[in-house]
Protein backbone atom coordinates (compact mmCIF):
# COMPACT_ATOMS: atom_id res chain seq x y z
CA MET A 1 -14.08 2.66 23.34
CA ASN A 2 -13.66 0.61 20.17
CA ARG A 3 -11.55 1.48 17.13
CA GLU A 4 -14.41 2.85 15.01
CA THR A 5 -15.57 5.20 17.75
CA TRP A 6 -12.01 6.50 18.18
CA LEU A 7 -11.70 7.01 14.44
CA GLN A 8 -15.05 8.83 14.20
CA ASN A 9 -13.99 11.07 17.07
CA ALA A 10 -10.73 11.67 15.22
CA ILE A 11 -12.63 12.93 12.16
CA GLN A 12 -14.43 15.50 14.30
CA ALA A 13 -11.12 16.57 15.87
CA LEU A 14 -9.50 16.94 12.42
CA GLU A 15 -12.39 18.94 10.93
CA PRO A 16 -11.00 22.37 12.02
CA ILE A 17 -7.80 21.69 10.07
CA PHE A 18 -9.85 21.53 6.87
CA SER A 19 -12.44 24.21 7.67
CA ALA A 20 -9.63 26.68 8.46
CA VAL A 21 -8.55 26.53 4.81
CA GLY A 22 -12.05 26.51 3.35
CA TYR A 23 -12.79 22.81 2.96
CA GLY A 24 -15.78 21.06 4.48
CA VAL A 25 -15.36 17.43 5.52
CA PRO A 26 -18.15 15.39 3.89
CA PRO A 27 -20.11 12.68 5.75
CA LEU A 28 -17.72 9.79 6.38
CA LYS A 29 -17.66 6.29 7.73
CA VAL A 30 -14.25 5.07 8.90
CA SER A 31 -13.14 1.63 10.04
CA CYS A 32 -10.01 -0.40 10.70
CA GLY A 33 -9.53 -2.72 7.75
CA PHE A 34 -7.38 -3.68 4.78
CA ALA A 35 -7.50 -1.93 1.43
CA ALA A 36 -9.48 -3.92 -1.11
CA SER A 37 -7.69 -3.00 -4.33
CA SER A 38 -4.09 -2.59 -3.17
CA SER A 39 -1.49 -4.74 -1.45
CA PRO A 40 -2.32 -5.04 2.26
CA ARG A 41 1.43 -5.15 2.94
CA THR A 42 2.06 -1.70 1.50
CA THR A 43 -1.16 0.28 1.92
CA LEU A 44 -1.96 2.23 5.08
CA GLY A 45 -5.33 3.64 4.10
CA GLN A 46 -8.01 3.69 1.44
CA CYS A 47 -10.95 5.96 0.66
CA TRP A 48 -13.92 4.83 -1.40
CA PRO A 49 -16.08 7.22 -3.47
CA ARG A 50 -19.68 7.85 -2.45
CA GLN A 51 -21.18 6.04 -5.42
CA ARG A 52 -19.69 2.74 -4.22
CA SER A 53 -21.23 3.03 -0.77
CA GLY A 54 -24.72 1.73 -0.03
CA GLU A 55 -25.18 4.76 2.20
CA MET A 56 -23.77 7.15 -0.43
CA VAL A 57 -21.00 8.40 1.86
CA ASN A 58 -17.23 8.19 1.55
CA GLU A 59 -15.91 5.16 3.40
CA ILE A 60 -12.35 5.09 4.71
CA PHE A 61 -10.33 2.11 5.94
CA ILE A 62 -7.20 2.43 8.07
CA SER A 63 -4.83 -0.52 7.92
CA PRO A 64 -4.58 -2.83 10.95
CA LYS A 65 -0.81 -2.71 10.37
CA ILE A 66 -0.56 0.62 12.22
CA ASP A 67 -1.38 1.44 15.81
CA ASP A 68 0.56 4.64 16.49
CA PRO A 69 -2.16 7.29 16.97
CA VAL A 70 -0.20 10.04 15.22
CA GLU A 71 0.40 7.79 12.22
CA VAL A 72 -3.28 6.87 12.20
CA LEU A 73 -4.30 10.55 12.19
CA ASP A 74 -1.70 11.29 9.51
CA THR A 75 -3.18 8.56 7.32
CA LEU A 76 -6.71 9.76 8.09
CA VAL A 77 -5.89 13.32 6.98
CA HIS A 78 -4.60 11.91 3.67
CA GLU A 79 -7.78 9.90 3.15
CA ILE A 80 -10.05 12.82 4.09
CA CYS A 81 -8.38 14.78 1.29
CA HIS A 82 -9.55 12.03 -1.07
CA ALA A 83 -13.04 12.19 0.42
CA ILE A 84 -13.28 15.95 -0.14
CA ASP A 85 -12.41 15.29 -3.79
CA ASP A 86 -14.69 12.20 -3.74
CA CYS A 87 -11.73 10.26 -5.16
CA GLN A 88 -12.23 11.95 -8.54
CA SER A 89 -8.63 12.98 -9.19
CA GLY A 90 -6.83 10.05 -7.59
CA HIS A 91 -3.50 11.57 -6.56
CA GLY A 92 -3.74 14.24 -9.26
CA ALA A 93 -3.75 18.02 -9.15
CA ASP A 94 -7.02 18.48 -7.23
CA PHE A 95 -5.96 16.07 -4.49
CA GLN A 96 -2.52 17.65 -4.31
CA GLY A 97 -4.00 21.11 -3.89
CA ILE A 98 -6.07 19.98 -0.89
CA ALA A 99 -3.21 17.96 0.61
CA GLN A 100 -0.68 20.77 0.41
CA VAL A 101 -2.92 23.44 1.92
CA VAL A 102 -3.75 21.27 4.98
CA GLY A 103 -0.07 20.50 5.58
CA LEU A 104 0.73 17.20 3.85
CA GLU A 105 4.13 17.01 2.19
CA GLY A 106 6.00 14.70 -0.18
CA PRO A 107 5.00 12.76 -3.31
CA ALA A 108 1.20 12.70 -3.61
CA ARG A 109 0.76 8.93 -3.23
CA MET A 110 2.84 8.97 -0.05
CA ALA A 111 1.96 12.49 1.15
CA MET A 112 2.24 12.74 4.93
CA ALA A 113 2.13 15.40 7.60
CA GLY A 114 4.80 18.06 7.48
CA PRO A 115 6.35 19.35 10.74
CA ALA A 116 3.62 21.91 11.52
CA LEU A 117 0.74 19.52 10.88
CA LYS A 118 2.45 16.74 12.83
CA ILE A 119 2.57 18.95 15.92
CA ARG A 120 -1.18 19.57 15.59
CA LEU A 121 -1.80 15.83 15.23
CA MET A 122 0.22 15.14 18.38
CA THR A 123 -1.91 17.65 20.26
CA ILE A 124 -5.11 16.04 18.98
CA CYS A 125 -3.84 12.61 20.06
CA GLN A 126 -3.47 13.86 23.63
CA LYS A 127 -7.17 14.72 23.63
CA LEU A 128 -8.30 11.52 21.90
CA GLY A 129 -6.25 9.18 24.08
CA ASP A 130 -4.68 5.89 23.00
CA TYR A 131 -5.85 4.30 19.77
CA PRO A 132 -7.59 1.09 20.97
CA HIS A 133 -5.79 -1.22 18.59
CA ARG A 134 -2.57 -3.21 18.45
CA ALA A 135 -0.80 -3.60 15.12
CA LEU A 136 -1.32 -6.75 13.11
CA ASN A 137 2.13 -7.98 12.09
CA PHE A 138 2.64 -9.74 8.79
CA PRO A 139 5.05 -12.69 8.63
CA PRO A 140 7.87 -12.31 6.10
CA PRO A 141 7.04 -13.62 2.60
CA ARG A 142 7.63 -17.35 2.36
CA PRO A 143 10.59 -18.31 0.19
CA SER A 144 9.74 -20.32 -2.90
CA ASN A 145 11.43 -23.70 -3.22
CA ALA A 146 10.37 -24.07 -6.84
CA THR A 147 12.99 -25.27 -9.29
CA ARG A 148 13.50 -24.28 -12.90
CA ALA A 149 15.36 -26.29 -15.51
CA LYS A 150 17.69 -24.54 -17.94
CA ALA A 151 19.11 -25.53 -21.31
CA LYS A 152 22.21 -24.29 -23.13
CA CYS A 153 23.55 -24.69 -26.65
CA PRO A 154 26.97 -26.45 -26.54
CA GLU A 155 28.11 -24.53 -29.62
CA CYS A 156 27.11 -20.87 -29.20
CA GLY A 157 26.10 -20.80 -25.53
CA TYR A 158 22.53 -19.65 -26.20
CA GLU A 159 20.62 -20.24 -22.97
CA VAL A 160 16.95 -20.55 -22.04
CA SER A 161 14.86 -21.41 -18.98
CA LEU A 162 12.47 -24.33 -19.29
CA LEU A 163 9.00 -24.13 -17.84
CA LYS A 164 8.25 -27.16 -15.71
CA ARG A 165 5.22 -28.06 -17.82
CA TRP A 166 7.42 -28.40 -20.94
CA ALA A 167 10.69 -29.67 -19.42
CA ASP A 168 9.64 -33.32 -19.72
CA TYR A 169 9.66 -32.97 -23.52
CA GLY A 170 13.39 -32.34 -23.43
CA ALA A 171 15.61 -29.41 -24.37
CA PRO A 172 14.67 -27.27 -27.42
CA ILE A 173 16.61 -26.80 -30.65
CA CYS A 174 19.05 -23.88 -30.73
CA PRO A 175 17.65 -21.25 -33.15
CA LYS A 176 21.18 -20.40 -34.34
CA ASP A 177 23.03 -23.72 -34.66
CA LYS A 178 19.97 -25.93 -35.23
CA ILE A 179 21.16 -28.55 -32.75
CA ARG A 180 19.49 -29.79 -29.59
CA MET A 181 20.44 -27.80 -26.53
CA GLU A 182 21.65 -29.50 -23.37
CA GLU A 183 19.69 -29.39 -20.14
CA TYR A 184 21.80 -28.65 -17.10
CA ALA A 185 21.53 -28.16 -13.32
CA LYS A 186 18.22 -26.86 -12.08
CA GLU A 187 18.12 -23.35 -10.63
CA ILE A 188 16.72 -22.97 -7.12
CA ILE A 189 14.37 -20.00 -7.03
CA GLU A 190 14.63 -18.81 -3.45
CA PRO A 191 14.89 -15.20 -2.27
CA SER A 192 17.84 -14.35 -0.09
CA ILE A 193 17.46 -13.04 3.47
CA GLU A 194 18.56 -9.68 2.12
CA ASN A 195 15.75 -9.69 -0.45
CA VAL A 196 13.19 -10.60 2.23
CA ASP A 197 14.44 -7.73 4.39
CA ASN A 198 14.15 -5.37 1.44
CA GLN A 199 10.57 -6.49 0.87
CA GLN A 200 9.79 -5.72 4.50
CA LYS A 201 11.19 -2.19 3.97
CA GLU A 202 9.07 -1.62 0.85
CA ILE A 203 7.65 1.90 0.59
CA ILE A 204 4.21 2.21 2.14
CA HIS A 205 1.47 3.83 0.08
CA ARG A 206 -1.79 5.47 1.05
CA ALA A 207 -4.01 4.32 -1.76
CA VAL A 208 -7.27 5.54 -3.24
CA SER A 209 -9.79 3.16 -4.75
C-alpha cells in the first residue's frame, strides 16, 4: 500500500465522525506533499478549494514531516473541515464551528484533536495499519556568516548600520552634529545555537490556501 491509498482509506474511515454531526465529506483527493503557500517547516497540512483543482474537487496535502498515523489523521480531520467549508472562511467562524463539533480543540489555526477525538483516531489507526511513510527531516537553518559595518558619531553617540552596498562610500554625516561618523568593528550576523533550537521548536500550523 502506498501513502495515497492509505490516506484515501483514512478519509473513508473518518467520514462517520463528520456524518454523525450532520456534515457530509465532499469528494477529496489527498496526497503526501508540502504546502505551496506556507512555510514547509511549520505547516502540517493544506487544503485547496475546488475552483483551484482541475478536477473541481478539494485537494489536501499532508506534510512529509510527519509519519505518526494518529498525527496524520489529526491533521487530516483539520483539513477535511476546510474542505467542507471549501476554504471559504479560512480559520474563521464557519471553520471553527465545524472543527469544534467534530472534536478539534485549541486556537483555530492550530486546532487539533481533543481527548475524545484522539481516542477515536487511535482506534481508526489500528484498523488502517501503519502509515507507509517515514518522516522527512529538515536540517537546522544554516547560520549566516554575513557581516555588517556600523558607524557611530564620536560626539553624540548616534549609531547606524551600514548596508554592504553603501559601506564603500564611507560613514555618513551625523544628522545632529553635522560631522562624519566613524566606522567601527563589523558585526557578525550569526544565530546562536539557542536561536536555532528555538526555530526548530517553532509552533506548527495547519494552513489553508
